[in-house]
C-alpha atoms as a PDB file:
ATOM      1  CA  MET A   1      18.312  12.453 -13.076  1.00  0.00           C
ATOM      2  CA  GLN A   2      15.259  12.984 -15.226  1.00  0.00           C
ATOM      3  CA  THR A   3      11.910  13.387 -13.492  1.00  0.00           C
ATOM      4  CA  LYS A   4       8.712  11.904 -14.877  1.00  0.00           C
ATOM      5  CA  GLU A   5       5.163  13.146 -14.645  1.00  0.00           C
ATOM      6  CA  TYR A   6       2.248  10.713 -14.684  1.00  0.00           C
ATOM      7  CA  LYS A   7      -1.368  11.089 -15.713  1.00  0.00           C
ATOM      8  CA  LEU A   8      -4.418   8.821 -15.629  1.00  0.00           C
ATOM      9  CA  GLU A   9      -7.272   9.181 -18.099  1.00  0.00           C
ATOM     10  CA  SER A  10     -10.514   7.244 -17.572  1.00  0.00           C
ATOM     11  CA  LEU A  11     -13.167   6.458 -20.138  1.00  0.00           C
ATOM     12  CA  ILE A  12     -16.551   4.933 -19.308  1.00  0.00           C
ATOM     13  CA  TYR A  13     -18.820   3.084 -21.724  1.00  0.00           C
ATOM     14  CA  TYR A  14     -22.259   1.777 -20.918  1.00  0.00           C
ATOM     15  CA  SER A  15     -23.767  -1.368 -22.327  1.00  0.00           C
ATOM     16  CA  LYS A  16     -26.791  -0.894 -24.568  1.00  0.00           C
ATOM     17  CA  VAL A  17     -29.577  -3.236 -25.502  1.00  0.00           C
ATOM     18  CA  THR A  18     -28.433  -4.329 -28.952  1.00  0.00           C
ATOM     19  CA  LEU A  19     -27.700  -7.431 -30.983  1.00  0.00           C
ATOM     20  CA  ASP A  20     -24.193  -6.097 -31.678  1.00  0.00           C
ATOM     21  CA  LYS A  21     -22.143  -7.626 -28.871  1.00  0.00           C
ATOM     22  CA  GLU A  22     -19.077  -5.578 -29.910  1.00  0.00           C
ATOM     23  CA  HIS A  23     -20.744  -2.154 -29.712  1.00  0.00           C
ATOM     24  CA  ILE A  24     -18.507  -1.007 -26.851  1.00  0.00           C
ATOM     25  CA  VAL A  25     -15.356  -1.887 -28.801  1.00  0.00           C
ATOM     26  CA  LYS A  26     -16.642  -0.010 -31.842  1.00  0.00           C
ATOM     27  CA  ASP A  27     -17.674   3.034 -29.805  1.00  0.00           C
ATOM     28  CA  SER A  28     -14.528   3.174 -27.699  1.00  0.00           C
ATOM     29  CA  THR A  29     -11.956   2.700 -30.471  1.00  0.00           C
ATOM     30  CA  LYS A  30     -12.366   6.169 -31.975  1.00  0.00           C
ATOM     31  CA  ASP A  31     -12.493   7.817 -28.526  1.00  0.00           C
ATOM     32  CA  ILE A  32      -9.355   6.045 -27.331  1.00  0.00           C
ATOM     33  CA  GLN A  33      -7.475   6.928 -30.536  1.00  0.00           C
ATOM     34  CA  ALA A  34      -8.499  10.576 -30.145  1.00  0.00           C
ATOM     35  CA  LYS A  35      -7.271  10.557 -26.529  1.00  0.00           C
ATOM     36  CA  LEU A  36      -3.944   8.986 -27.582  1.00  0.00           C
ATOM     37  CA  ASP A  37      -3.462  11.589 -30.317  1.00  0.00           C
ATOM     38  CA  GLU A  38      -4.337  14.437 -27.946  1.00  0.00           C
ATOM     39  CA  LYS A  39      -1.894  13.293 -25.265  1.00  0.00           C
ATOM     40  CA  ALA A  40       0.908  12.545 -27.761  1.00  0.00           C
ATOM     41  CA  LYS A  41       0.776  16.176 -28.959  1.00  0.00           C
ATOM     42  CA  ASP A  42       1.579  17.244 -25.393  1.00  0.00           C
ATOM     43  CA  GLY A  43       4.513  14.828 -25.056  1.00  0.00           C
ATOM     44  CA  TRP A  44       2.700  12.055 -23.142  1.00  0.00           C
ATOM     45  CA  ARG A  45       3.451   8.375 -23.804  1.00  0.00           C
ATOM     46  CA  LEU A  46       0.993   5.586 -23.101  1.00  0.00           C
ATOM     47  CA  VAL A  47       2.692   3.223 -20.642  1.00  0.00           C
ATOM     48  CA  SER A  48      -0.126   0.990 -19.451  1.00  0.00           C
ATOM     49  CA  THR A  49      -3.821   0.268 -19.763  1.00  0.00           C
ATOM     50  CA  ASP A  50      -6.428  -1.460 -17.676  1.00  0.00           C
ATOM     51  CA  ALA A  51     -10.144  -2.110 -17.914  1.00  0.00           C
ATOM     52  CA  THR A  52     -12.820  -3.330 -15.586  1.00  0.00           C
ATOM     53  CA  ASP A  53     -16.554  -3.755 -15.705  1.00  0.00           C
ATOM     54  CA  PHE A  54     -19.110  -2.933 -13.072  1.00  0.00           C
ATOM     55  CA  GLY A  55     -22.773  -3.515 -13.713  1.00  0.00           C
ATOM     56  CA  PHE A  56     -23.604  -2.190 -17.158  1.00  0.00           C
ATOM     57  CA  ALA A  57     -20.441  -0.099 -17.511  1.00  0.00           C
ATOM     58  CA  VAL A  58     -16.927  -0.755 -18.770  1.00  0.00           C
ATOM     59  CA  TYR A  59     -14.187   1.449 -17.333  1.00  0.00           C
ATOM     60  CA  ILE A  60     -11.045   1.896 -19.416  1.00  0.00           C
ATOM     61  CA  TYR A  61      -7.941   3.388 -17.799  1.00  0.00           C
ATOM     62  CA  LEU A  62      -5.073   4.836 -19.812  1.00  0.00           C
ATOM     63  CA  TYR A  63      -1.829   5.542 -17.938  1.00  0.00           C
ATOM     64  CA  PHE A  64       0.530   8.119 -19.438  1.00  0.00           C
ATOM     65  CA  GLU A  65       3.948   9.475 -18.568  1.00  0.00           C
ATOM     66  CA  ARG A  66       6.242  12.194 -19.861  1.00  0.00           C
ATOM     67  CA  ASP A  67       9.612  13.637 -19.012  1.00  0.00           C
ATOM     68  CA  VAL A  68       9.602  16.863 -17.030  1.00  0.00           C
END
């Protein structure tokens, strides 16, 4: 039986005063891609994501797994 290892990575983005309502998407895209590339090099696979907002912040959760 193969064992799996799990890891959670969290990213936080804060809302800014701007006319660009998609600034969080633009800012987070490159960071999330960098995190995916970093984890993939170590054998991690993205298995789930989640996001929530609280006040002026958006919390993005990336759930990874890999075989041990």
